[in-house]
Amino acid sequence: MCQIFAGQDPSRYESVTRRLRLNGQSTSIRLERAFWRILDQIAAKEGVSTPAFLSKLHSEVLEQQGEVTNFTSLLRCACTIHLGELDQLPPARFAAE
């Protein structure tokens, strides 16, 4: 089983930094190449460029939550949702704190 994960091409998890504008502000985002491929696919499916998709997503998070605390983590999680991994997990159970 581990060979499936350990034997993957290292270029797949190589970090890639892209410079782009999020809602008019210049920034850079560093993600693994595999995540960039997924984000490019999502953007293409939506009929927009990847920077335009990311700007829209960033704006929606700001609107719903008031801030974006860790956008790169949000993007990674968005990719897993897109891939359908969350549908295969049992419902999360949170303990009251």
PDB file of N, CA and C in Angstrom:
ATOM      1  N   MET A   1       0.815  -1.194   0.000  1.00  0.00           N
ATOM      2  CA  MET A   1       0.000   0.000   0.000  1.00  0.00           C
ATOM      3  C   MET A   1       0.853   1.251   0.000  1.00  0.00           C
ATOM      4  N   CYS A   2       1.880   1.326   0.819  1.00  0.00           N
ATOM      5  CA  CYS A   2       2.682   2.535   0.912  1.00  0.00           C
ATOM      6  C   CYS A   2       3.385   2.868  -0.389  1.00  0.00           C
ATOM      7  N   GLN A   3       3.631   1.863  -1.227  1.00  0.00           N
ATOM      8  CA  GLN A   3       4.302   2.117  -2.500  1.00  0.00           C
ATOM      9  C   GLN A   3       3.474   3.052  -3.377  1.00  0.00           C
ATOM     10  N   ILE A   4       2.165   2.968  -3.269  1.00  0.00           N
ATOM     11  CA  ILE A   4       1.296   3.875  -4.029  1.00  0.00           C
ATOM     12  C   ILE A   4       1.618   5.314  -3.668  1.00  0.00           C
ATOM     13  N   PHE A   5       1.831   5.572  -2.397  1.00  0.00           N
ATOM     14  CA  PHE A   5       2.107   6.921  -1.932  1.00  0.00           C
ATOM     15  C   PHE A   5       3.590   7.257  -2.002  1.00  0.00           C
ATOM     16  N   ALA A   6       4.422   6.357  -1.501  1.00  0.00           N
ATOM     17  CA  ALA A   6       5.860   6.622  -1.437  1.00  0.00           C
ATOM     18  C   ALA A   6       6.506   6.607  -2.811  1.00  0.00           C
ATOM     19  N   GLY A   7       5.944   5.870  -3.738  1.00  0.00           N
ATOM     20  CA  GLY A   7       6.547   5.731  -5.049  1.00  0.00           C
ATOM     21  C   GLY A   7       6.134   6.781  -6.067  1.00  0.00           C
ATOM     22  N   GLN A   8       5.389   7.777  -5.630  1.00  0.00           N
ATOM     23  CA  GLN A   8       4.934   8.774  -6.600  1.00  0.00           C
ATOM     24  C   GLN A   8       6.084   9.659  -7.084  1.00  0.00           C
ATOM     25  N   ASP A   9       5.898  10.244  -8.237  1.00  0.00           N
ATOM     26  CA  ASP A   9       6.890  11.125  -8.850  1.00  0.00           C
ATOM     27  C   ASP A   9       7.086  12.354  -7.962  1.00  0.00           C
ATOM     28  N   PRO A  10       8.317  12.655  -7.558  1.00  0.00           N
ATOM     29  CA  PRO A  10       8.572  13.809  -6.686  1.00  0.00           C
ATOM     30  C   PRO A  10       8.118  15.149  -7.265  1.00  0.00           C
ATOM     31  N   SER A  11       8.023  15.250  -8.579  1.00  0.00           N
ATOM     32  CA  SER A  11       7.558  16.522  -9.158  1.00  0.00           C
ATOM     33  C   SER A  11       6.104  16.791  -8.785  1.00  0.00           C
ATOM     34  N   ARG A  12       5.366  15.747  -8.455  1.00  0.00           N
ATOM     35  CA  ARG A  12       3.957  15.895  -8.065  1.00  0.00           C
ATOM     36  C   ARG A  12       3.810  16.689  -6.776  1.00  0.00           C
ATOM     37  N   TYR A  13       4.716  16.508  -5.822  1.00  0.00           N
ATOM     38  CA  TYR A  13       4.611  17.222  -4.554  1.00  0.00           C
ATOM     39  C   TYR A  13       5.640  18.345  -4.408  1.00  0.00           C
ATOM     40  N   GLU A  14       6.288  18.669  -5.505  1.00  0.00           N
ATOM     41  CA  GLU A  14       7.207  19.812  -5.509  1.00  0.00           C
ATOM     42  C   GLU A  14       6.409  21.099  -5.280  1.00  0.00           C
ATOM     43  N   SER A  15       6.930  21.971  -4.432  1.00  0.00           N
ATOM     44  CA  SER A  15       6.258  23.250  -4.171  1.00  0.00           C
ATOM     45  C   SER A  15       6.482  24.208  -5.337  1.00  0.00           C
ATOM     46  N   VAL A  16       5.402  24.858  -5.725  1.00  0.00           N
ATOM     47  CA  VAL A  16       5.445  25.831  -6.811  1.00  0.00           C
ATOM     48  C   VAL A  16       4.803  27.115  -6.297  1.00  0.00           C
ATOM     49  N   THR A  17       5.489  28.236  -6.499  1.00  0.00           N
ATOM     50  CA  THR A  17       4.960  29.535  -6.096  1.00  0.00           C
ATOM     51  C   THR A  17       4.451  30.257  -7.332  1.00  0.00           C
ATOM     52  N   ARG A  18       3.231  30.736  -7.250  1.00  0.00           N
ATOM     53  CA  ARG A  18       2.659  31.537  -8.334  1.00  0.00           C
ATOM     54  C   ARG A  18       2.353  32.931  -7.794  1.00  0.00           C
ATOM     55  N   ARG A  19       2.753  33.914  -8.575  1.00  0.00           N
ATOM     56  CA  ARG A  19       2.428  35.300  -8.241  1.00  0.00           C
ATOM     57  C   ARG A  19       1.148  35.662  -8.990  1.00  0.00           C
ATOM     58  N   LEU A  20       0.214  36.271  -8.267  1.00  0.00           N
ATOM     59  CA  LEU A  20      -1.059  36.640  -8.870  1.00  0.00           C
ATOM     60  C   LEU A  20      -1.685  37.785  -8.096  1.00  0.00           C
ATOM     61  N   ARG A  21      -2.791  38.243  -8.594  1.00  0.00           N
ATOM     62  CA  ARG A  21      -3.536  39.295  -7.921  1.00  0.00           C
ATOM     63  C   ARG A  21      -4.813  38.691  -7.347  1.00  0.00           C
ATOM     64  N   LEU A  22      -5.022  38.934  -6.055  1.00  0.00           N
ATOM     65  CA  LEU A  22      -6.270  38.551  -5.403  1.00  0.00           C
ATOM     66  C   LEU A  22      -7.037  39.823  -5.150  1.00  0.00           C
ATOM     67  N   ASN A  23      -8.091  40.000  -5.902  1.00  0.00           N
ATOM     68  CA  ASN A  23      -8.932  41.185  -5.758  1.00  0.00           C
ATOM     69  C   ASN A  23      -8.104  42.469  -5.812  1.00  0.00           C
ATOM     70  N   GLY A  24      -7.195  42.510  -6.789  1.00  0.00           N
ATOM     71  CA  GLY A  24      -6.410  43.711  -7.019  1.00  0.00           C
ATOM     72  C   GLY A  24      -5.111  43.807  -6.254  1.00  0.00           C
ATOM     73  N   GLN A  25      -4.888  42.952  -5.291  1.00  0.00           N
ATOM     74  CA  GLN A  25      -3.653  43.008  -4.508  1.00  0.00           C
ATOM     75  C   GLN A  25      -2.690  41.925  -4.980  1.00  0.00           C
ATOM     76  N   SER A  26      -1.452  42.327  -5.237  1.00  0.00           N
ATOM     77  CA  SER A  26      -0.427  41.394  -5.668  1.00  0.00           C
ATOM     78  C   SER A  26      -0.007  40.516  -4.486  1.00  0.00           C
ATOM     79  N   THR A  27       0.071  39.206  -4.731  1.00  0.00           N
ATOM     80  CA  THR A  27       0.470  38.263  -3.689  1.00  0.00           C
ATOM     81  C   THR A  27       1.107  37.047  -4.336  1.00  0.00           C
ATOM     82  N   SER A  28       1.600  36.161  -3.538  1.00  0.00           N
ATOM     83  CA  SER A  28       2.105  34.892  -4.057  1.00  0.00           C
ATOM     84  C   SER A  28       1.522  33.771  -3.205  1.00  0.00           C
ATOM     85  N   ILE A  29       1.298  32.659  -3.866  1.00  0.00           N
ATOM     86  CA  ILE A  29       0.752  31.481  -3.200  1.00  0.00           C
ATOM     87  C   ILE A  29       1.658  30.312  -3.538  1.00  0.00           C
ATOM     88  N   ARG A  30       2.041  29.580  -2.514  1.00  0.00           N
ATOM     89  CA  ARG A  30       2.924  28.422  -2.682  1.00  0.00           C
ATOM     90  C   ARG A  30       2.141  27.154  -2.341  1.00  0.00           C
ATOM     91  N   LEU A  31       2.005  26.285  -3.329  1.00  0.00           N
ATOM     92  CA  LEU A  31       1.312  25.013  -3.176  1.00  0.00           C
ATOM     93  C   LEU A  31       2.073  23.929  -3.922  1.00  0.00           C
ATOM     94  N   GLU A  32       1.786  22.705  -3.582  1.00  0.00           N
ATOM     95  CA  GLU A  32       2.362  21.589  -4.300  1.00  0.00           C
ATOM     96  C   GLU A  32       1.768  21.546  -5.710  1.00  0.00           C
ATOM     97  N   ARG A  33       2.591  21.092  -6.654  1.00  0.00           N
ATOM     98  CA  ARG A  33       2.187  21.055  -8.071  1.00  0.00           C
ATOM     99  C   ARG A  33       0.849  20.319  -8.266  1.00  0.00           C
ATOM    100  N   ALA A  34       0.630  19.241  -7.539  1.00  0.00           N
ATOM    101  CA  ALA A  34      -0.617  18.482  -7.683  1.00  0.00           C
ATOM    102  C   ALA A  34      -1.836  19.348  -7.354  1.00  0.00           C
ATOM    103  N   PHE A  35      -1.721  20.202  -6.332  1.00  0.00           N
ATOM    104  CA  PHE A  35      -2.842  21.080  -5.987  1.00  0.00           C
ATOM    105  C   PHE A  35      -3.063  22.144  -7.060  1.00  0.00           C
ATOM    106  N   TRP A  36      -1.961  22.673  -7.624  1.00  0.00           N
ATOM    107  CA  TRP A  36      -2.127  23.648  -8.709  1.00  0.00           C
ATOM    108  C   TRP A  36      -2.854  23.013  -9.892  1.00  0.00           C
ATOM    109  N   ARG A  37      -2.554  21.772 -10.200  1.00  0.00           N
ATOM    110  CA  ARG A  37      -3.229  21.090 -11.320  1.00  0.00           C
ATOM    111  C   ARG A  37      -4.728  20.985 -11.058  1.00  0.00           C
ATOM    112  N   ILE A  38      -5.081  20.644  -9.844  1.00  0.00           N
ATOM    113  CA  ILE A  38      -6.508  20.532  -9.494  1.00  0.00           C
ATOM    114  C   ILE A  38      -7.178  21.898  -9.577  1.00  0.00           C
ATOM    115  N   LEU A  39      -6.548  22.930  -9.030  1.00  0.00           N
ATOM    116  CA  LEU A  39      -7.123  24.275  -9.083  1.00  0.00           C
ATOM    117  C   LEU A  39      -7.268  24.759 -10.522  1.00  0.00           C
ATOM    118  N   ASP A  40      -6.287  24.456 -11.369  1.00  0.00           N
ATOM    119  CA  ASP A  40      -6.390  24.810 -12.787  1.00  0.00           C
ATOM    120  C   ASP A  40      -7.587  24.115 -13.430  1.00  0.00           C
ATOM    121  N   GLN A  41      -7.822  22.844 -13.066  1.00  0.00           N
ATOM    122  CA  GLN A  41      -8.961  22.101 -13.608  1.00  0.00           C
ATOM    123  C   GLN A  41     -10.288  22.698 -13.143  1.00  0.00           C
ATOM    124  N   ILE A  42     -10.359  23.055 -11.858  1.00  0.00           N
ATOM    125  CA  ILE A  42     -11.590  23.656 -11.325  1.00  0.00           C
ATOM    126  C   ILE A  42     -11.877  24.968 -12.041  1.00  0.00           C
ATOM    127  N   ALA A  43     -10.850  25.802 -12.176  1.00  0.00           N
ATOM    128  CA  ALA A  43     -11.024  27.100 -12.847  1.00  0.00           C
ATOM    129  C   ALA A  43     -11.479  26.908 -14.288  1.00  0.00           C
ATOM    130  N   ALA A  44     -10.852  25.979 -15.003  1.00  0.00           N
ATOM    131  CA  ALA A  44     -11.239  25.720 -16.392  1.00  0.00           C
ATOM    132  C   ALA A  44     -12.689  25.254 -16.476  1.00  0.00           C
ATOM    133  N   LYS A  45     -13.090  24.413 -15.537  1.00  0.00           N
ATOM    134  CA  LYS A  45     -14.478  23.929 -15.494  1.00  0.00           C
ATOM    135  C   LYS A  45     -15.450  25.093 -15.269  1.00  0.00           C
ATOM    136  N   GLU A  46     -15.007  26.081 -14.492  1.00  0.00           N
ATOM    137  CA  GLU A  46     -15.825  27.273 -14.226  1.00  0.00           C
ATOM    138  C   GLU A  46     -15.741  28.293 -15.363  1.00  0.00           C
ATOM    139  N   GLY A  47     -14.840  28.067 -16.308  1.00  0.00           N
ATOM    140  CA  GLY A  47     -14.705  28.951 -17.458  1.00  0.00           C
ATOM    141  C   GLY A  47     -13.951  30.237 -17.163  1.00  0.00           C
ATOM    142  N   VAL A  48     -13.073  30.199 -16.160  1.00  0.00           N
ATOM    143  CA  VAL A  48     -12.289  31.383 -15.796  1.00  0.00           C
ATOM    144  C   VAL A  48     -10.824  30.983 -15.632  1.00  0.00           C
ATOM    145  N   SER A  49      -9.966  31.990 -15.550  1.00  0.00           N
ATOM    146  CA  SER A  49      -8.557  31.712 -15.280  1.00  0.00           C
ATOM    147  C   SER A  49      -8.401  31.298 -13.815  1.00  0.00           C
ATOM    148  N   THR A  50      -7.288  30.668 -13.505  1.00  0.00           N
ATOM    149  CA  THR A  50      -7.037  30.275 -12.118  1.00  0.00           C
ATOM    150  C   THR A  50      -6.978  31.492 -11.196  1.00  0.00           C
ATOM    151  N   PRO A  51      -6.267  32.580 -11.571  1.00  0.00           N
ATOM    152  CA  PRO A  51      -6.280  33.762 -10.694  1.00  0.00           C
ATOM    153  C   PRO A  51      -7.689  34.334 -10.477  1.00  0.00           C
ATOM    154  N   ALA A  52      -8.513  34.325 -11.514  1.00  0.00           N
ATOM    155  CA  ALA A  52      -9.884  34.834 -11.364  1.00  0.00           C
ATOM    156  C   ALA A  52     -10.685  33.942 -10.422  1.00  0.00           C
ATOM    157  N   PHE A  53     -10.510  32.632 -10.549  1.00  0.00           N
ATOM    158  CA  PHE A  53     -11.195  31.696  -9.653  1.00  0.00           C
ATOM    159  C   PHE A  53     -10.760  31.911  -8.208  1.00  0.00           C
ATOM    160  N   LEU A  54      -9.454  32.040  -7.992  1.00  0.00           N
ATOM    161  CA  LEU A  54      -8.944  32.238  -6.636  1.00  0.00           C
ATOM    162  C   LEU A  54      -9.422  33.560  -6.046  1.00  0.00           C
ATOM    163  N   SER A  55      -9.485  34.607  -6.863  1.00  0.00           N
ATOM    164  CA  SER A  55      -9.987  35.898  -6.375  1.00  0.00           C
ATOM    165  C   SER A  55     -11.442  35.796  -5.951  1.00  0.00           C
ATOM    166  N   LYS A  56     -12.237  35.112  -6.763  1.00  0.00           N
ATOM    167  CA  LYS A  56     -13.655  34.946  -6.414  1.00  0.00           C
ATOM    168  C   LYS A  56     -13.809  34.142  -5.128  1.00  0.00           C
ATOM    169  N   LEU A  57     -13.063  33.072  -5.009  1.00  0.00           N
ATOM    170  CA  LEU A  57     -13.116  32.250  -3.798  1.00  0.00           C
ATOM    171  C   LEU A  57     -12.689  33.063  -2.580  1.00  0.00           C
ATOM    172  N   HIS A  58     -11.611  33.808  -2.708  1.00  0.00           N
ATOM    173  CA  HIS A  58     -11.116  34.655  -1.611  1.00  0.00           C
ATOM    174  C   HIS A  58     -12.188  35.661  -1.192  1.00  0.00           C
ATOM    175  N   SER A  59     -12.825  36.293  -2.162  1.00  0.00           N
ATOM    176  CA  SER A  59     -13.893  37.256  -1.869  1.00  0.00           C
ATOM    177  C   SER A  59     -15.061  36.604  -1.141  1.00  0.00           C
ATOM    178  N   GLU A  60     -15.434  35.417  -1.572  1.00  0.00           N
ATOM    179  CA  GLU A  60     -16.555  34.714  -0.941  1.00  0.00           C
ATOM    180  C   GLU A  60     -16.230  34.338   0.502  1.00  0.00           C
ATOM    181  N   VAL A  61     -14.990  33.928   0.760  1.00  0.00           N
ATOM    182  CA  VAL A  61     -14.588  33.601   2.133  1.00  0.00           C
ATOM    183  C   VAL A  61     -14.635  34.856   2.991  1.00  0.00           C
ATOM    184  N   LEU A  62     -14.121  35.970   2.465  1.00  0.00           N
ATOM    185  CA  LEU A  62     -14.180  37.237   3.207  1.00  0.00           C
ATOM    186  C   LEU A  62     -15.618  37.618   3.532  1.00  0.00           C
ATOM    187  N   GLU A  63     -16.493  37.458   2.555  1.00  0.00           N
ATOM    188  CA  GLU A  63     -17.903  37.805   2.741  1.00  0.00           C
ATOM    189  C   GLU A  63     -18.565  36.925   3.802  1.00  0.00           C
ATOM    190  N   GLN A  64     -18.275  35.629   3.786  1.00  0.00           N
ATOM    191  CA  GLN A  64     -18.913  34.701   4.704  1.00  0.00           C
ATOM    192  C   GLN A  64     -18.287  34.679   6.096  1.00  0.00           C
ATOM    193  N   GLN A  65     -16.960  34.863   6.161  1.00  0.00           N
ATOM    194  CA  GLN A  65     -16.278  34.683   7.431  1.00  0.00           C
ATOM    195  C   GLN A  65     -15.597  35.941   7.961  1.00  0.00           C
ATOM    196  N   GLY A  66     -15.511  36.979   7.140  1.00  0.00           N
ATOM    197  CA  GLY A  66     -14.925  38.235   7.587  1.00  0.00           C
ATOM    198  C   GLY A  66     -13.418  38.308   7.489  1.00  0.00           C
ATOM    199  N   GLU A  67     -12.754  37.164   7.378  1.00  0.00           N
ATOM    200  CA  GLU A  67     -11.307  37.118   7.222  1.00  0.00           C
ATOM    201  C   GLU A  67     -10.910  35.791   6.601  1.00  0.00           C
ATOM    202  N   VAL A  68      -9.703  35.763   6.083  1.00  0.00           N
ATOM    203  CA  VAL A  68      -9.152  34.536   5.528  1.00  0.00           C
ATOM    204  C   VAL A  68      -7.872  34.256   6.305  1.00  0.00           C
ATOM    205  N   THR A  69      -7.944  33.313   7.245  1.00  0.00           N
ATOM    206  CA  THR A  69      -6.807  33.093   8.128  1.00  0.00           C
ATOM    207  C   THR A  69      -5.689  32.264   7.480  1.00  0.00           C
ATOM    208  N   ASN A  70      -6.016  31.309   6.631  1.00  0.00           N
ATOM    209  CA  ASN A  70      -4.987  30.484   6.002  1.00  0.00           C
ATOM    210  C   ASN A  70      -5.496  30.043   4.636  1.00  0.00           C
ATOM    211  N   PHE A  71      -5.321  30.909   3.657  1.00  0.00           N
ATOM    212  CA  PHE A  71      -5.890  30.678   2.337  1.00  0.00           C
ATOM    213  C   PHE A  71      -5.286  29.449   1.655  1.00  0.00           C
ATOM    214  N   THR A  72      -3.998  29.204   1.830  1.00  0.00           N
ATOM    215  CA  THR A  72      -3.402  28.035   1.184  1.00  0.00           C
ATOM    216  C   THR A  72      -3.981  26.727   1.736  1.00  0.00           C
ATOM    217  N   SER A  73      -4.231  26.681   3.033  1.00  0.00           N
ATOM    218  CA  SER A  73      -4.873  25.488   3.603  1.00  0.00           C
ATOM    219  C   SER A  73      -6.298  25.344   3.091  1.00  0.00           C
ATOM    220  N   LEU A  74      -7.003  26.467   2.976  1.00  0.00           N
ATOM    221  CA  LEU A  74      -8.350  26.440   2.425  1.00  0.00           C
ATOM    222  C   LEU A  74      -8.318  25.884   1.005  1.00  0.00           C
ATOM    223  N   LEU A  75      -7.318  26.282   0.213  1.00  0.00           N
ATOM    224  CA  LEU A  75      -7.218  25.788  -1.160  1.00  0.00           C
ATOM    225  C   LEU A  75      -6.963  24.285  -1.198  1.00  0.00           C
ATOM    226  N   ARG A  76      -6.098  23.800  -0.318  1.00  0.00           N
ATOM    227  CA  ARG A  76      -5.842  22.359  -0.277  1.00  0.00           C
ATOM    228  C   ARG A  76      -7.122  21.593   0.078  1.00  0.00           C
ATOM    229  N   CYS A  77      -7.850  22.097   1.057  1.00  0.00           N
ATOM    230  CA  CYS A  77      -9.109  21.446   1.447  1.00  0.00           C
ATOM    231  C   CYS A  77     -10.139  21.527   0.335  1.00  0.00           C
ATOM    232  N   ALA A  78     -10.175  22.639  -0.386  1.00  0.00           N
ATOM    233  CA  ALA A  78     -11.088  22.768  -1.531  1.00  0.00           C
ATOM    234  C   ALA A  78     -10.766  21.702  -2.574  1.00  0.00           C
ATOM    235  N   CYS A  79      -9.489  21.440  -2.768  1.00  0.00           N
ATOM    236  CA  CYS A  79      -9.083  20.398  -3.717  1.00  0.00           C
ATOM    237  C   CYS A  79      -9.574  19.024  -3.277  1.00  0.00           C
ATOM    238  N   THR A  80      -9.485  18.724  -1.984  1.00  0.00           N
ATOM    239  CA  THR A  80      -9.960  17.413  -1.514  1.00  0.00           C
ATOM    240  C   THR A  80     -11.475  17.304  -1.664  1.00  0.00           C
ATOM    241  N   ILE A  81     -12.174  18.402  -1.427  1.00  0.00           N
ATOM    242  CA  ILE A  81     -13.623  18.393  -1.642  1.00  0.00           C
ATOM    243  C   ILE A  81     -13.914  18.130  -3.114  1.00  0.00           C
ATOM    244  N   HIS A  82     -13.189  18.815  -3.981  1.00  0.00           N
ATOM    245  CA  HIS A  82     -13.377  18.633  -5.415  1.00  0.00           C
ATOM    246  C   HIS A  82     -13.142  17.177  -5.823  1.00  0.00           C
ATOM    247  N   LEU A  83     -12.178  16.552  -5.221  1.00  0.00           N
ATOM    248  CA  LEU A  83     -11.865  15.162  -5.553  1.00  0.00           C
ATOM    249  C   LEU A  83     -12.838  14.169  -4.925  1.00  0.00           C
ATOM    250  N   GLY A  84     -13.715  14.661  -4.039  1.00  0.00           N
ATOM    251  CA  GLY A  84     -14.736  13.808  -3.451  1.00  0.00           C
ATOM    252  C   GLY A  84     -14.285  13.007  -2.250  1.00  0.00           C
ATOM    253  N   GLU A  85     -13.122  13.337  -1.700  1.00  0.00           N
ATOM    254  CA  GLU A  85     -12.634  12.568  -0.570  1.00  0.00           C
ATOM    255  C   GLU A  85     -13.522  12.716   0.656  1.00  0.00           C
ATOM    256  N   LEU A  86     -14.102  13.860   0.865  1.00  0.00           N
ATOM    257  CA  LEU A  86     -14.917  14.059   2.056  1.00  0.00           C
ATOM    258  C   LEU A  86     -16.192  13.230   2.026  1.00  0.00           C
ATOM    259  N   ASP A  87     -16.664  12.917   0.834  1.00  0.00           N
ATOM    260  CA  ASP A  87     -17.862  12.082   0.722  1.00  0.00           C
ATOM    261  C   ASP A  87     -17.610  10.666   1.235  1.00  0.00           C
ATOM    262  N   GLN A  88     -16.357  10.251   1.246  1.00  0.00           N
ATOM    263  CA  GLN A  88     -16.014   8.902   1.662  1.00  0.00           C
ATOM    264  C   GLN A  88     -15.678   8.799   3.141  1.00  0.00           C
ATOM    265  N   LEU A  89     -15.577   9.932   3.824  1.00  0.00           N
ATOM    266  CA  LEU A  89     -15.256   9.928   5.247  1.00  0.00           C
ATOM    267  C   LEU A  89     -16.528   9.873   6.075  1.00  0.00           C
ATOM    268  N   PRO A  90     -16.480   9.225   7.234  1.00  0.00           N
ATOM    269  CA  PRO A  90     -17.653   9.250   8.108  1.00  0.00           C
ATOM    270  C   PRO A  90     -17.883  10.676   8.613  1.00  0.00           C
ATOM    271  N   PRO A  91     -19.113  11.032   8.952  1.00  0.00           N
ATOM    272  CA  PRO A  91     -19.384  12.385   9.463  1.00  0.00           C
ATOM    273  C   PRO A  91     -18.494  12.702  10.663  1.00  0.00           C
ATOM    274  N   ALA A  92     -17.977  13.921  10.671  1.00  0.00           N
ATOM    275  CA  ALA A  92     -17.117  14.351  11.773  1.00  0.00           C
ATOM    276  C   ALA A  92     -17.951  14.517  13.028  1.00  0.00           C
ATOM    277  N   ARG A  93     -17.371  14.101  14.130  1.00  0.00           N
ATOM    278  CA  ARG A  93     -18.037  14.270  15.421  1.00  0.00           C
ATOM    279  C   ARG A  93     -17.144  15.159  16.257  1.00  0.00           C
ATOM    280  N   PHE A  94     -17.666  16.289  16.653  1.00  0.00           N
ATOM    281  CA  PHE A  94     -16.897  17.253  17.416  1.00  0.00           C
ATOM    282  C   PHE A  94     -17.330  17.205  18.872  1.00  0.00           C
ATOM    283  N   ALA A  95     -16.364  17.122  19.750  1.00  0.00           N
ATOM    284  CA  ALA A  95     -16.656  17.148  21.177  1.00  0.00           C
ATOM    285  C   ALA A  95     -16.918  18.587  21.609  1.00  0.00           C
ATOM    286  N   ALA A  96     -17.895  18.770  22.443  1.00  0.00           N
ATOM    287  CA  ALA A  96     -18.177  20.118  22.971  1.00  0.00           C
ATOM    288  C   ALA A  96     -17.024  20.515  23.874  1.00  0.00           C
ATOM    289  N   GLU A  97     -16.564  21.738  23.657  1.00  0.00           N
ATOM    290  CA  GLU A  97     -15.434  22.213  24.463  1.00  0.00           C
ATOM    291  C   GLU A  97     -15.879  23.330  25.350  1.00  0.00           C
TER     292      GLU A  97
END
